[in-house]
Amino acid sequence: VQACNRFIRENPGRPIDEQSLTRSLMRPEVSEVDLLIRTGGDQRISNFLLWQIAYAELYFTETKWPEFSREEFKQILRHVSGRERRFGHLGPCESLDYSKKVASQHREVVSSFTSPNSL
């Protein structure tokens, strides 16, 4: 609501679109989130980055934040990397090649975080 009001105030009469709304958010430098890990056993997002996590993978762990370890982070990345990401599509994507490309890039990023020399 704050982002919409900010946009309206700064751009009277101009129609709003996704990019405009994104730039009007409290933290516009926080782009779309790929993975949201919620620690401490809570299984809710508590109004946190709602716009940015629209297509994020959500992972809930019982581990409380002070005990959260690099090893658990790596395990979560391995687990989540096996999920099928459709980015809002309900069925087969218009372009299978594009979907494969996105999935491949995602796996490369996960691999870079889970390699023995990272973290």
PDB file of N, CA and C in Angstrom:
ATOM      1  N   VAL A   1       0.835  -1.187   0.000  1.00  0.00           N
ATOM      2  CA  VAL A   1       0.000   0.000   0.000  1.00  0.00           C
ATOM      3  C   VAL A   1       0.874   1.243   0.000  1.00  0.00           C
ATOM      4  N   GLN A   2       1.933   1.226   0.816  1.00  0.00           N
ATOM      5  CA  GLN A   2       2.843   2.376   0.845  1.00  0.00           C
ATOM      6  C   GLN A   2       3.473   2.609  -0.516  1.00  0.00           C
ATOM      7  N   ALA A   3       3.867   1.531  -1.203  1.00  0.00           N
ATOM      8  CA  ALA A   3       4.486   1.671  -2.522  1.00  0.00           C
ATOM      9  C   ALA A   3       3.491   2.269  -3.519  1.00  0.00           C
ATOM     10  N   CYS A   4       2.258   1.791  -3.487  1.00  0.00           N
ATOM     11  CA  CYS A   4       1.236   2.342  -4.396  1.00  0.00           C
ATOM     12  C   CYS A   4       0.996   3.815  -4.108  1.00  0.00           C
ATOM     13  N   ASN A   5       0.849   4.157  -2.831  1.00  0.00           N
ATOM     14  CA  ASN A   5       0.630   5.564  -2.472  1.00  0.00           C
ATOM     15  C   ASN A   5       1.817   6.433  -2.862  1.00  0.00           C
ATOM     16  N   ARG A   6       3.020   5.931  -2.682  1.00  0.00           N
ATOM     17  CA  ARG A   6       4.211   6.676  -3.068  1.00  0.00           C
ATOM     18  C   ARG A   6       4.214   6.921  -4.583  1.00  0.00           C
ATOM     19  N   PHE A   7       3.907   5.874  -5.348  1.00  0.00           N
ATOM     20  CA  PHE A   7       3.876   6.021  -6.804  1.00  0.00           C
ATOM     21  C   PHE A   7       2.831   7.058  -7.222  1.00  0.00           C
ATOM     22  N   ILE A   8       1.632   6.978  -6.657  1.00  0.00           N
ATOM     23  CA  ILE A   8       0.554   7.910  -7.005  1.00  0.00           C
ATOM     24  C   ILE A   8       0.954   9.343  -6.669  1.00  0.00           C
ATOM     25  N   ARG A   9       1.563   9.521  -5.500  1.00  0.00           N
ATOM     26  CA  ARG A   9       1.993  10.854  -5.068  1.00  0.00           C
ATOM     27  C   ARG A   9       3.071  11.420  -6.004  1.00  0.00           C
ATOM     28  N   GLU A  10       4.010  10.583  -6.419  1.00  0.00           N
ATOM     29  CA  GLU A  10       5.123  11.041  -7.250  1.00  0.00           C
ATOM     30  C   GLU A  10       4.806  11.054  -8.742  1.00  0.00           C
ATOM     31  N   ASN A  11       3.730  10.382  -9.156  1.00  0.00           N
ATOM     32  CA  ASN A  11       3.377  10.266 -10.575  1.00  0.00           C
ATOM     33  C   ASN A  11       1.880  10.456 -10.783  1.00  0.00           C
ATOM     34  N   PRO A  12       1.337  11.620 -10.423  1.00  0.00           N
ATOM     35  CA  PRO A  12      -0.119  11.797 -10.513  1.00  0.00           C
ATOM     36  C   PRO A  12      -0.642  11.561 -11.932  1.00  0.00           C
ATOM     37  N   GLY A  13      -1.697  10.739 -12.021  1.00  0.00           N
ATOM     38  CA  GLY A  13      -2.350  10.477 -13.291  1.00  0.00           C
ATOM     39  C   GLY A  13      -1.677   9.434 -14.168  1.00  0.00           C
ATOM     40  N   ARG A  14      -0.502   8.989 -13.788  1.00  0.00           N
ATOM     41  CA  ARG A  14       0.222   7.997 -14.604  1.00  0.00           C
ATOM     42  C   ARG A  14      -0.192   6.590 -14.173  1.00  0.00           C
ATOM     43  N   PRO A  15      -0.461   5.695 -15.137  1.00  0.00           N
ATOM     44  CA  PRO A  15      -0.832   4.320 -14.756  1.00  0.00           C
ATOM     45  C   PRO A  15       0.365   3.590 -14.138  1.00  0.00           C
ATOM     46  N   ILE A  16       0.066   2.716 -13.200  1.00  0.00           N
ATOM     47  CA  ILE A  16       1.122   1.957 -12.533  1.00  0.00           C
ATOM     48  C   ILE A  16       1.309   0.614 -13.241  1.00  0.00           C
ATOM     49  N   ASP A  17       2.543   0.166 -13.325  1.00  0.00           N
ATOM     50  CA  ASP A  17       2.848  -1.155 -13.870  1.00  0.00           C
ATOM     51  C   ASP A  17       3.782  -1.856 -12.885  1.00  0.00           C
ATOM     52  N   GLU A  18       4.139  -3.100 -13.187  1.00  0.00           N
ATOM     53  CA  GLU A  18       4.958  -3.888 -12.257  1.00  0.00           C
ATOM     54  C   GLU A  18       6.297  -3.229 -11.967  1.00  0.00           C
ATOM     55  N   GLN A  19       6.956  -2.718 -13.006  1.00  0.00           N
ATOM     56  CA  GLN A  19       8.270  -2.102 -12.808  1.00  0.00           C
ATOM     57  C   GLN A  19       8.163  -0.844 -11.940  1.00  0.00           C
ATOM     58  N   SER A  20       7.121  -0.064 -12.172  1.00  0.00           N
ATOM     59  CA  SER A  20       6.930   1.152 -11.370  1.00  0.00           C
ATOM     60  C   SER A  20       6.680   0.807  -9.911  1.00  0.00           C
ATOM     61  N   LEU A  21       5.868  -0.202  -9.688  1.00  0.00           N
ATOM     62  CA  LEU A  21       5.593  -0.618  -8.316  1.00  0.00           C
ATOM     63  C   LEU A  21       6.865  -1.110  -7.646  1.00  0.00           C
ATOM     64  N   THR A  22       7.649  -1.910  -8.356  1.00  0.00           N
ATOM     65  CA  THR A  22       8.900  -2.427  -7.803  1.00  0.00           C
ATOM     66  C   THR A  22       9.825  -1.279  -7.397  1.00  0.00           C
ATOM     67  N   ARG A  23       9.931  -0.259  -8.247  1.00  0.00           N
ATOM     68  CA  ARG A  23      10.796   0.891  -7.923  1.00  0.00           C
ATOM     69  C   ARG A  23      10.264   1.713  -6.758  1.00  0.00           C
ATOM     70  N   SER A  24       8.983   1.580  -6.439  1.00  0.00           N
ATOM     71  CA  SER A  24       8.373   2.355  -5.364  1.00  0.00           C
ATOM     72  C   SER A  24       8.405   1.647  -4.015  1.00  0.00           C
ATOM     73  N   LEU A  25       8.893   0.413  -3.996  1.00  0.00           N
ATOM     74  CA  LEU A  25       8.932  -0.347  -2.742  1.00  0.00           C
ATOM     75  C   LEU A  25       9.900   0.286  -1.751  1.00  0.00           C
ATOM     76  N   MET A  26       9.748  -0.085  -0.473  1.00  0.00           N
ATOM     77  CA  MET A  26      10.634   0.425   0.578  1.00  0.00           C
ATOM     78  C   MET A  26      12.095   0.120   0.274  1.00  0.00           C
ATOM     79  N   ARG A  27      12.355  -1.066  -0.214  1.00  0.00           N
ATOM     80  CA  ARG A  27      13.723  -1.496  -0.512  1.00  0.00           C
ATOM     81  C   ARG A  27      13.811  -1.909  -1.973  1.00  0.00           C
ATOM     82  N   PRO A  28      13.801  -0.953  -2.904  1.00  0.00           N
ATOM     83  CA  PRO A  28      13.804  -1.322  -4.321  1.00  0.00           C
ATOM     84  C   PRO A  28      15.064  -2.074  -4.747  1.00  0.00           C
ATOM     85  N   GLU A  29      16.143  -1.958  -3.968  1.00  0.00           N
ATOM     86  CA  GLU A  29      17.374  -2.664  -4.322  1.00  0.00           C
ATOM     87  C   GLU A  29      17.265  -4.169  -4.050  1.00  0.00           C
ATOM     88  N   VAL A  30      16.247  -4.581  -3.278  1.00  0.00           N
ATOM     89  CA  VAL A  30      16.014  -6.001  -3.036  1.00  0.00           C
ATOM     90  C   VAL A  30      15.142  -6.503  -4.177  1.00  0.00           C
ATOM     91  N   SER A  31      15.759  -7.217  -5.083  1.00  0.00           N
ATOM     92  CA  SER A  31      15.018  -7.704  -6.246  1.00  0.00           C
ATOM     93  C   SER A  31      14.203  -8.933  -5.853  1.00  0.00           C
ATOM     94  N   GLU A  32      13.637  -9.583  -6.837  1.00  0.00           N
ATOM     95  CA  GLU A  32      12.862 -10.782  -6.556  1.00  0.00           C
ATOM     96  C   GLU A  32      13.742 -11.810  -5.846  1.00  0.00           C
ATOM     97  N   VAL A  33      13.161 -12.458  -4.889  1.00  0.00           N
ATOM     98  CA  VAL A  33      13.879 -13.419  -4.061  1.00  0.00           C
ATOM     99  C   VAL A  33      13.677 -14.816  -4.638  1.00  0.00           C
ATOM    100  N   ASP A  34      14.749 -15.602  -4.749  1.00  0.00           N
ATOM    101  CA  ASP A  34      14.648 -16.978  -5.246  1.00  0.00           C
ATOM    102  C   ASP A  34      14.308 -17.967  -4.141  1.00  0.00           C
ATOM    103  N   LEU A  35      14.815 -17.707  -2.942  1.00  0.00           N
ATOM    104  CA  LEU A  35      14.617 -18.640  -1.833  1.00  0.00           C
ATOM    105  C   LEU A  35      14.448 -17.861  -0.542  1.00  0.00           C
ATOM    106  N   LEU A  36      13.373 -18.168   0.178  1.00  0.00           N
ATOM    107  CA  LEU A  36      13.151 -17.587   1.499  1.00  0.00           C
ATOM    108  C   LEU A  36      13.198 -18.719   2.510  1.00  0.00           C
ATOM    109  N   ILE A  37      14.140 -18.646   3.423  1.00  0.00           N
ATOM    110  CA  ILE A  37      14.277 -19.653   4.471  1.00  0.00           C
ATOM    111  C   ILE A  37      13.742 -19.041   5.758  1.00  0.00           C
ATOM    112  N   ARG A  38      12.748 -19.686   6.343  1.00  0.00           N
ATOM    113  CA  ARG A  38      12.187 -19.211   7.608  1.00  0.00           C
ATOM    114  C   ARG A  38      12.654 -20.145   8.707  1.00  0.00           C
ATOM    115  N   THR A  39      13.392 -19.607   9.658  1.00  0.00           N
ATOM    116  CA  THR A  39      13.938 -20.403  10.756  1.00  0.00           C
ATOM    117  C   THR A  39      12.988 -20.384  11.951  1.00  0.00           C
ATOM    118  N   GLY A  40      13.277 -21.237  12.923  1.00  0.00           N
ATOM    119  CA  GLY A  40      12.576 -21.220  14.195  1.00  0.00           C
ATOM    120  C   GLY A  40      11.242 -21.932  14.215  1.00  0.00           C
ATOM    121  N   GLY A  41      10.917 -22.668  13.163  1.00  0.00           N
ATOM    122  CA  GLY A  41       9.690 -23.451  13.174  1.00  0.00           C
ATOM    123  C   GLY A  41       8.437 -22.714  12.742  1.00  0.00           C
ATOM    124  N   ASP A  42       8.508 -21.412  12.565  1.00  0.00           N
ATOM    125  CA  ASP A  42       7.336 -20.674  12.112  1.00  0.00           C
ATOM    126  C   ASP A  42       7.083 -20.952  10.638  1.00  0.00           C
ATOM    127  N   GLN A  43       5.844 -21.206  10.292  1.00  0.00           N
ATOM    128  CA  GLN A  43       5.502 -21.485   8.903  1.00  0.00           C
ATOM    129  C   GLN A  43       4.568 -20.404   8.377  1.00  0.00           C
ATOM    130  N   ARG A  44       5.094 -19.208   8.358  1.00  0.00           N
ATOM    131  CA  ARG A  44       4.381 -18.057   7.814  1.00  0.00           C
ATOM    132  C   ARG A  44       5.423 -17.081   7.301  1.00  0.00           C
ATOM    133  N   ILE A  45       4.992 -16.130   6.494  1.00  0.00           N
ATOM    134  CA  ILE A  45       5.942 -15.160   5.965  1.00  0.00           C
ATOM    135  C   ILE A  45       5.808 -13.805   6.637  1.00  0.00           C
ATOM    136  N   SER A  46       4.790 -13.624   7.453  1.00  0.00           N
ATOM    137  CA  SER A  46       4.650 -12.431   8.299  1.00  0.00           C
ATOM    138  C   SER A  46       4.782 -11.118   7.528  1.00  0.00           C
ATOM    139  N   ASN A  47       4.163 -11.050   6.356  1.00  0.00           N
ATOM    140  CA  ASN A  47       4.135  -9.797   5.590  1.00  0.00           C
ATOM    141  C   ASN A  47       5.525  -9.363   5.131  1.00  0.00           C
ATOM    142  N   PHE A  48       6.457 -10.287   5.026  1.00  0.00           N
ATOM    143  CA  PHE A  48       7.851  -9.975   4.720  1.00  0.00           C
ATOM    144  C   PHE A  48       8.106 -10.037   3.219  1.00  0.00           C
ATOM    145  N   LEU A  49       8.462  -8.927   2.615  1.00  0.00           N
ATOM    146  CA  LEU A  49       8.813  -8.844   1.191  1.00  0.00           C
ATOM    147  C   LEU A  49       7.785  -9.533   0.294  1.00  0.00           C
ATOM    148  N   LEU A  50       6.520  -9.253   0.519  1.00  0.00           N
ATOM    149  CA  LEU A  50       5.463  -9.964  -0.199  1.00  0.00           C
ATOM    150  C   LEU A  50       5.596  -9.888  -1.714  1.00  0.00           C
ATOM    151  N   TRP A  51       5.885  -8.722  -2.236  1.00  0.00           N
ATOM    152  CA  TRP A  51       6.007  -8.557  -3.684  1.00  0.00           C
ATOM    153  C   TRP A  51       7.231  -9.308  -4.213  1.00  0.00           C
ATOM    154  N   GLN A  52       8.343  -9.191  -3.497  1.00  0.00           N
ATOM    155  CA  GLN A  52       9.600  -9.773  -3.967  1.00  0.00           C
ATOM    156  C   GLN A  52       9.623 -11.298  -3.887  1.00  0.00           C
ATOM    157  N   ILE A  53       8.803 -11.900  -3.022  1.00  0.00           N
ATOM    158  CA  ILE A  53       8.847 -13.358  -2.873  1.00  0.00           C
ATOM    159  C   ILE A  53       7.702 -14.056  -3.603  1.00  0.00           C
ATOM    160  N   ALA A  54       7.038 -13.357  -4.504  1.00  0.00           N
ATOM    161  CA  ALA A  54       5.884 -13.938  -5.196  1.00  0.00           C
ATOM    162  C   ALA A  54       6.211 -15.292  -5.832  1.00  0.00           C
ATOM    163  N   TYR A  55       7.395 -15.447  -6.409  1.00  0.00           N
ATOM    164  CA  TYR A  55       7.767 -16.706  -7.064  1.00  0.00           C
ATOM    165  C   TYR A  55       8.917 -17.404  -6.352  1.00  0.00           C
ATOM    166  N   ALA A  56       9.181 -17.016  -5.129  1.00  0.00           N
ATOM    167  CA  ALA A  56      10.280 -17.615  -4.373  1.00  0.00           C
ATOM    168  C   ALA A  56       9.922 -19.019  -3.917  1.00  0.00           C
ATOM    169  N   GLU A  57      10.943 -19.821  -3.763  1.00  0.00           N
ATOM    170  CA  GLU A  57      10.785 -21.103  -3.093  1.00  0.00           C
ATOM    171  C   GLU A  57      10.832 -20.815  -1.597  1.00  0.00           C
ATOM    172  N   LEU A  58       9.928 -21.423  -0.846  1.00  0.00           N
ATOM    173  CA  LEU A  58       9.876 -21.221   0.596  1.00  0.00           C
ATOM    174  C   LEU A  58      10.377 -22.487   1.278  1.00  0.00           C
ATOM    175  N   TYR A  59      11.181 -22.288   2.312  1.00  0.00           N
ATOM    176  CA  TYR A  59      11.690 -23.424   3.076  1.00  0.00           C
ATOM    177  C   TYR A  59      11.575 -23.076   4.554  1.00  0.00           C
ATOM    178  N   PHE A  60      10.959 -23.969   5.316  1.00  0.00           N
ATOM    179  CA  PHE A  60      10.759 -23.746   6.736  1.00  0.00           C
ATOM    180  C   PHE A  60      11.575 -24.775   7.511  1.00  0.00           C
ATOM    181  N   THR A  61      12.336 -24.295   8.478  1.00  0.00           N
ATOM    182  CA  THR A  61      13.164 -25.184   9.290  1.00  0.00           C
ATOM    183  C   THR A  61      12.883 -24.935  10.768  1.00  0.00           C
ATOM    184  N   GLU A  62      12.977 -25.987  11.545  1.00  0.00           N
ATOM    185  CA  GLU A  62      12.795 -25.880  12.995  1.00  0.00           C
ATOM    186  C   GLU A  62      13.992 -25.198  13.671  1.00  0.00           C
ATOM    187  N   THR A  63      15.117 -25.202  12.996  1.00  0.00           N
ATOM    188  CA  THR A  63      16.337 -24.640  13.571  1.00  0.00           C
ATOM    189  C   THR A  63      16.154 -23.161  13.863  1.00  0.00           C
ATOM    190  N   LYS A  64      16.529 -22.762  15.052  1.00  0.00           N
ATOM    191  CA  LYS A  64      16.463 -21.337  15.404  1.00  0.00           C
ATOM    192  C   LYS A  64      17.677 -20.636  14.806  1.00  0.00           C
ATOM    193  N   TRP A  65      17.541 -19.350  14.522  1.00  0.00           N
ATOM    194  CA  TRP A  65      18.584 -18.608  13.805  1.00  0.00           C
ATOM    195  C   TRP A  65      19.979 -18.744  14.421  1.00  0.00           C
ATOM    196  N   PRO A  66      20.150 -18.597  15.706  1.00  0.00           N
ATOM    197  CA  PRO A  66      21.545 -18.673  16.202  1.00  0.00           C
ATOM    198  C   PRO A  66      22.226 -20.004  15.925  1.00  0.00           C
ATOM    199  N   GLU A  67      21.448 -21.083  15.800  1.00  0.00           N
ATOM    200  CA  GLU A  67      22.026 -22.400  15.552  1.00  0.00           C
ATOM    201  C   GLU A  67      22.082 -22.746  14.063  1.00  0.00           C
ATOM    202  N   PHE A  68      21.554 -21.894  13.199  1.00  0.00           N
ATOM    203  CA  PHE A  68      21.528 -22.173  11.760  1.00  0.00           C
ATOM    204  C   PHE A  68      22.965 -22.237  11.245  1.00  0.00           C
ATOM    205  N   SER A  69      23.296 -23.330  10.557  1.00  0.00           N
ATOM    206  CA  SER A  69      24.686 -23.552  10.157  1.00  0.00           C
ATOM    207  C   SER A  69      24.863 -23.500   8.639  1.00  0.00           C
ATOM    208  N   ARG A  70      26.117 -23.408   8.241  1.00  0.00           N
ATOM    209  CA  ARG A  70      26.441 -23.476   6.808  1.00  0.00           C
ATOM    210  C   ARG A  70      26.014 -24.809   6.221  1.00  0.00           C
ATOM    211  N   GLU A  71      26.208 -25.877   6.974  1.00  0.00           N
ATOM    212  CA  GLU A  71      25.841 -27.202   6.483  1.00  0.00           C
ATOM    213  C   GLU A  71      24.340 -27.299   6.253  1.00  0.00           C
ATOM    214  N   GLU A  72      23.550 -26.772   7.165  1.00  0.00           N
ATOM    215  CA  GLU A  72      22.099 -26.799   6.949  1.00  0.00           C
ATOM    216  C   GLU A  72      21.726 -25.960   5.727  1.00  0.00           C
ATOM    217  N   PHE A  73      22.380 -24.819   5.558  1.00  0.00           N
ATOM    218  CA  PHE A  73      22.135 -23.969   4.391  1.00  0.00           C
ATOM    219  C   PHE A  73      22.434 -24.745   3.105  1.00  0.00           C
ATOM    220  N   LYS A  74      23.555 -25.454   3.077  1.00  0.00           N
ATOM    221  CA  LYS A  74      23.909 -26.246   1.895  1.00  0.00           C
ATOM    222  C   LYS A  74      22.871 -27.346   1.648  1.00  0.00           C
ATOM    223  N   GLN A  75      22.400 -27.991   2.720  1.00  0.00           N
ATOM    224  CA  GLN A  75      21.392 -29.042   2.574  1.00  0.00           C
ATOM    225  C   GLN A  75      20.090 -28.466   2.002  1.00  0.00           C
ATOM    226  N   ILE A  76      19.716 -27.294   2.474  1.00  0.00           N
ATOM    227  CA  ILE A  76      18.500 -26.651   1.969  1.00  0.00           C
ATOM    228  C   ILE A  76      18.659 -26.324   0.489  1.00  0.00           C
ATOM    229  N   LEU A  77      19.816 -25.793   0.101  1.00  0.00           N
ATOM    230  CA  LEU A  77      20.044 -25.481  -1.309  1.00  0.00           C
ATOM    231  C   LEU A  77      19.961 -26.734  -2.170  1.00  0.00           C
ATOM    232  N   ARG A  78      20.537 -27.841  -1.680  1.00  0.00           N
ATOM    233  CA  ARG A  78      20.455 -29.089  -2.435  1.00  0.00           C
ATOM    234  C   ARG A  78      19.004 -29.553  -2.551  1.00  0.00           C
ATOM    235  N   HIS A  79      18.271 -29.455  -1.466  1.00  0.00           N
ATOM    236  CA  HIS A  79      16.867 -29.872  -1.463  1.00  0.00           C
ATOM    237  C   HIS A  79      16.039 -29.019  -2.427  1.00  0.00           C
ATOM    238  N   VAL A  80      16.178 -27.728  -2.337  1.00  0.00           N
ATOM    239  CA  VAL A  80      15.375 -26.808  -3.150  1.00  0.00           C
ATOM    240  C   VAL A  80      15.761 -26.891  -4.622  1.00  0.00           C
ATOM    241  N   SER A  81      17.026 -27.178  -4.908  1.00  0.00           N
ATOM    242  CA  SER A  81      17.452 -27.247  -6.308  1.00  0.00           C
ATOM    243  C   SER A  81      16.763 -28.387  -7.059  1.00  0.00           C
ATOM    244  N   GLY A  82      16.202 -29.343  -6.334  1.00  0.00           N
ATOM    245  CA  GLY A  82      15.488 -30.437  -6.968  1.00  0.00           C
ATOM    246  C   GLY A  82      14.033 -30.121  -7.279  1.00  0.00           C
ATOM    247  N   ARG A  83      13.555 -28.978  -6.841  1.00  0.00           N
ATOM    248  CA  ARG A  83      12.165 -28.597  -7.100  1.00  0.00           C
ATOM    249  C   ARG A  83      11.993 -28.096  -8.528  1.00  0.00           C
ATOM    250  N   GLU A  84      10.821 -28.334  -9.073  1.00  0.00           N
ATOM    251  CA  GLU A  84      10.502 -27.805 -10.407  1.00  0.00           C
ATOM    252  C   GLU A  84      10.011 -26.372 -10.236  1.00  0.00           C
ATOM    253  N   ARG A  85      10.699 -25.445 -10.873  1.00  0.00           N
ATOM    254  CA  ARG A  85      10.314 -24.034 -10.790  1.00  0.00           C
ATOM    255  C   ARG A  85       9.586 -23.650 -12.058  1.00  0.00           C
ATOM    256  N   ARG A  86       8.346 -23.183 -11.898  1.00  0.00           N
ATOM    257  CA  ARG A  86       7.540 -22.823 -13.057  1.00  0.00           C
ATOM    258  C   ARG A  86       7.319 -21.318 -13.155  1.00  0.00           C
ATOM    259  N   PHE A  87       7.745 -20.556 -12.165  1.00  0.00           N
ATOM    260  CA  PHE A  87       7.656 -19.102 -12.180  1.00  0.00           C
ATOM    261  C   PHE A  87       6.255 -18.620 -12.538  1.00  0.00           C
ATOM    262  N   GLY A  88       5.251 -19.192 -11.889  1.00  0.00           N
ATOM    263  CA  GLY A  88       3.884 -18.741 -12.063  1.00  0.00           C
ATOM    264  C   GLY A  88       3.093 -19.475 -13.118  1.00  0.00           C
ATOM    265  N   HIS A  89       3.739 -20.283 -13.930  1.00  0.00           N
ATOM    266  CA  HIS A  89       3.019 -21.031 -14.953  1.00  0.00           C
ATOM    267  C   HIS A  89       2.317 -22.216 -14.302  1.00  0.00           C
ATOM    268  N   LEU A  90       1.086 -22.473 -14.733  1.00  0.00           N
ATOM    269  CA  LEU A  90       0.326 -23.572 -14.164  1.00  0.00           C
ATOM    270  C   LEU A  90       0.630 -24.895 -14.859  1.00  0.00           C
ATOM    271  N   GLY A  91       0.967 -24.822 -16.107  1.00  0.00           N
ATOM    272  CA  GLY A  91       1.237 -26.027 -16.879  1.00  0.00           C
ATOM    273  C   GLY A  91       2.541 -25.879 -17.611  1.00  0.00           C
ATOM    274  N   PRO A  92       2.679 -26.607 -18.699  1.00  0.00           N
ATOM    275  CA  PRO A  92       3.906 -26.491 -19.485  1.00  0.00           C
ATOM    276  C   PRO A  92       4.118 -25.048 -19.943  1.00  0.00           C
ATOM    277  N   CYS A  93       5.342 -24.596 -19.859  1.00  0.00           N
ATOM    278  CA  CYS A  93       5.670 -23.235 -20.262  1.00  0.00           C
ATOM    279  C   CYS A  93       5.581 -23.107 -21.780  1.00  0.00           C
ATOM    280  N   GLU A  94       5.376 -21.883 -22.231  1.00  0.00           N
ATOM    281  CA  GLU A  94       5.297 -21.640 -23.670  1.00  0.00           C
ATOM    282  C   GLU A  94       6.559 -22.119 -24.372  1.00  0.00           C
ATOM    283  N   SER A  95       7.685 -21.951 -23.727  1.00  0.00           N
ATOM    284  CA  SER A  95       8.940 -22.344 -24.352  1.00  0.00           C
ATOM    285  C   SER A  95       9.684 -23.294 -23.423  1.00  0.00           C
ATOM    286  N   LEU A  96       9.716 -24.535 -23.783  1.00  0.00           N
ATOM    287  CA  LEU A  96      10.436 -25.522 -22.988  1.00  0.00           C
ATOM    288  C   LEU A  96      11.926 -25.198 -22.946  1.00  0.00           C
ATOM    289  N   ASP A  97      12.459 -24.723 -24.063  1.00  0.00           N
ATOM    290  CA  ASP A  97      13.879 -24.363 -24.098  1.00  0.00           C
ATOM    291  C   ASP A  97      14.191 -23.266 -23.089  1.00  0.00           C
ATOM    292  N   TYR A  98      13.311 -22.264 -23.006  1.00  0.00           N
ATOM    293  CA  TYR A  98      13.527 -21.184 -22.047  1.00  0.00           C
ATOM    294  C   TYR A  98      13.490 -21.729 -20.620  1.00  0.00           C
ATOM    295  N   SER A  99      12.509 -22.585 -20.322  1.00  0.00           N
ATOM    296  CA  SER A  99      12.398 -23.165 -18.980  1.00  0.00           C
ATOM    297  C   SER A  99      13.641 -23.959 -18.617  1.00  0.00           C
ATOM    298  N   LYS A 100      14.151 -24.724 -19.585  1.00  0.00           N
ATOM    299  CA  LYS A 100      15.360 -25.504 -19.335  1.00  0.00           C
ATOM    300  C   LYS A 100      16.547 -24.583 -19.081  1.00  0.00           C
ATOM    301  N   LYS A 101      16.619 -23.489 -19.809  1.00  0.00           N
ATOM    302  CA  LYS A 101      17.712 -22.532 -19.633  1.00  0.00           C
ATOM    303  C   LYS A 101      17.662 -21.924 -18.232  1.00  0.00           C
ATOM    304  N   VAL A 102      16.466 -21.503 -17.788  1.00  0.00           N
ATOM    305  CA  VAL A 102      16.309 -20.921 -16.455  1.00  0.00           C
ATOM    306  C   VAL A 102      16.669 -21.942 -15.383  1.00  0.00           C
ATOM    307  N   ALA A 103      16.192 -23.164 -15.538  1.00  0.00           N
ATOM    308  CA  ALA A 103      16.494 -24.219 -14.563  1.00  0.00           C
ATOM    309  C   ALA A 103      17.991 -24.502 -14.507  1.00  0.00           C
ATOM    310  N   SER A 104      18.635 -24.516 -15.663  1.00  0.00           N
ATOM    311  CA  SER A 104      20.073 -24.763 -15.719  1.00  0.00           C
ATOM    312  C   SER A 104      20.844 -23.659 -14.998  1.00  0.00           C
ATOM    313  N   GLN A 105      20.454 -22.410 -15.233  1.00  0.00           N
ATOM    314  CA  GLN A 105      21.114 -21.285 -14.568  1.00  0.00           C
ATOM    315  C   GLN A 105      20.910 -21.383 -13.061  1.00  0.00           C
ATOM    316  N   HIS A 106      19.717 -21.770 -12.632  1.00  0.00           N
ATOM    317  CA  HIS A 106      19.431 -21.918 -11.209  1.00  0.00           C
ATOM    318  C   HIS A 106      20.328 -22.985 -10.593  1.00  0.00           C
ATOM    319  N   ARG A 107      20.472 -24.126 -11.289  1.00  0.00           N
ATOM    320  CA  ARG A 107      21.329 -25.195 -10.773  1.00  0.00           C
ATOM    321  C   ARG A 107      22.781 -24.741 -10.669  1.00  0.00           C
ATOM    322  N   GLU A 108      23.240 -23.935 -11.635  1.00  0.00           N
ATOM    323  CA  GLU A 108      24.615 -23.429 -11.594  1.00  0.00           C
ATOM    324  C   GLU A 108      24.831 -22.539 -10.372  1.00  0.00           C
ATOM    325  N   VAL A 109      23.853 -21.687 -10.073  1.00  0.00           N
ATOM    326  CA  VAL A 109      23.969 -20.810  -8.903  1.00  0.00           C
ATOM    327  C   VAL A 109      23.993 -21.645  -7.635  1.00  0.00           C
ATOM    328  N   VAL A 110      23.093 -22.620  -7.532  1.00  0.00           N
ATOM    329  CA  VAL A 110      23.067 -23.487  -6.349  1.00  0.00           C
ATOM    330  C   VAL A 110      24.381 -24.236  -6.216  1.00  0.00           C
ATOM    331  N   SER A 111      24.911 -24.749  -7.327  1.00  0.00           N
ATOM    332  CA  SER A 111      26.180 -25.479  -7.284  1.00  0.00           C
ATOM    333  C   SER A 111      27.312 -24.590  -6.792  1.00  0.00           C
ATOM    334  N   SER A 112      27.296 -23.327  -7.186  1.00  0.00           N
ATOM    335  CA  SER A 112      28.367 -22.428  -6.748  1.00  0.00           C
ATOM    336  C   SER A 112      28.317 -22.205  -5.240  1.00  0.00           C
ATOM    337  N   PHE A 113      27.109 -22.275  -4.654  1.00  0.00           N
ATOM    338  CA  PHE A 113      26.982 -22.099  -3.214  1.00  0.00           C
ATOM    339  C   PHE A 113      27.296 -23.367  -2.455  1.00  0.00           C
ATOM    340  N   THR A 114      27.139 -24.516  -3.081  1.00  0.00           N
ATOM    341  CA  THR A 114      27.314 -25.778  -2.367  1.00  0.00           C
ATOM    342  C   THR A 114      28.635 -26.459  -2.660  1.00  0.00           C
ATOM    343  N   SER A 115      29.466 -25.813  -3.473  1.00  0.00           N
ATOM    344  CA  SER A 115      30.778 -26.409  -3.744  1.00  0.00           C
ATOM    345  C   SER A 115      31.632 -26.355  -2.482  1.00  0.00           C
ATOM    346  N   PRO A 116      32.563 -27.261  -2.343  1.00  0.00           N
ATOM    347  CA  PRO A 116      33.376 -27.328  -1.117  1.00  0.00           C
ATOM    348  C   PRO A 116      34.134 -26.031  -0.820  1.00  0.00           C
ATOM    349  N   ASN A 117      34.478 -25.254  -1.846  1.00  0.00           N
ATOM    350  CA  ASN A 117      35.257 -24.035  -1.618  1.00  0.00           C
ATOM    351  C   ASN A 117      34.387 -22.831  -1.302  1.00  0.00           C
ATOM    352  N   SER A 118      33.053 -22.967  -1.420  1.00  0.00           N
ATOM    353  CA  SER A 118      32.204 -21.831  -1.100  1.00  0.00           C
ATOM    354  C   SER A 118      31.798 -21.889   0.347  1.00  0.00           C
ATOM    355  N   LEU A 119      31.297 -20.802   0.828  1.00  0.00           N
ATOM    356  CA  LEU A 119      30.849 -20.681   2.215  1.00  0.00           C
ATOM    357  C   LEU A 119      31.985 -20.945   3.124  1.00  0.00           C
TER     358      LEU A 119
END
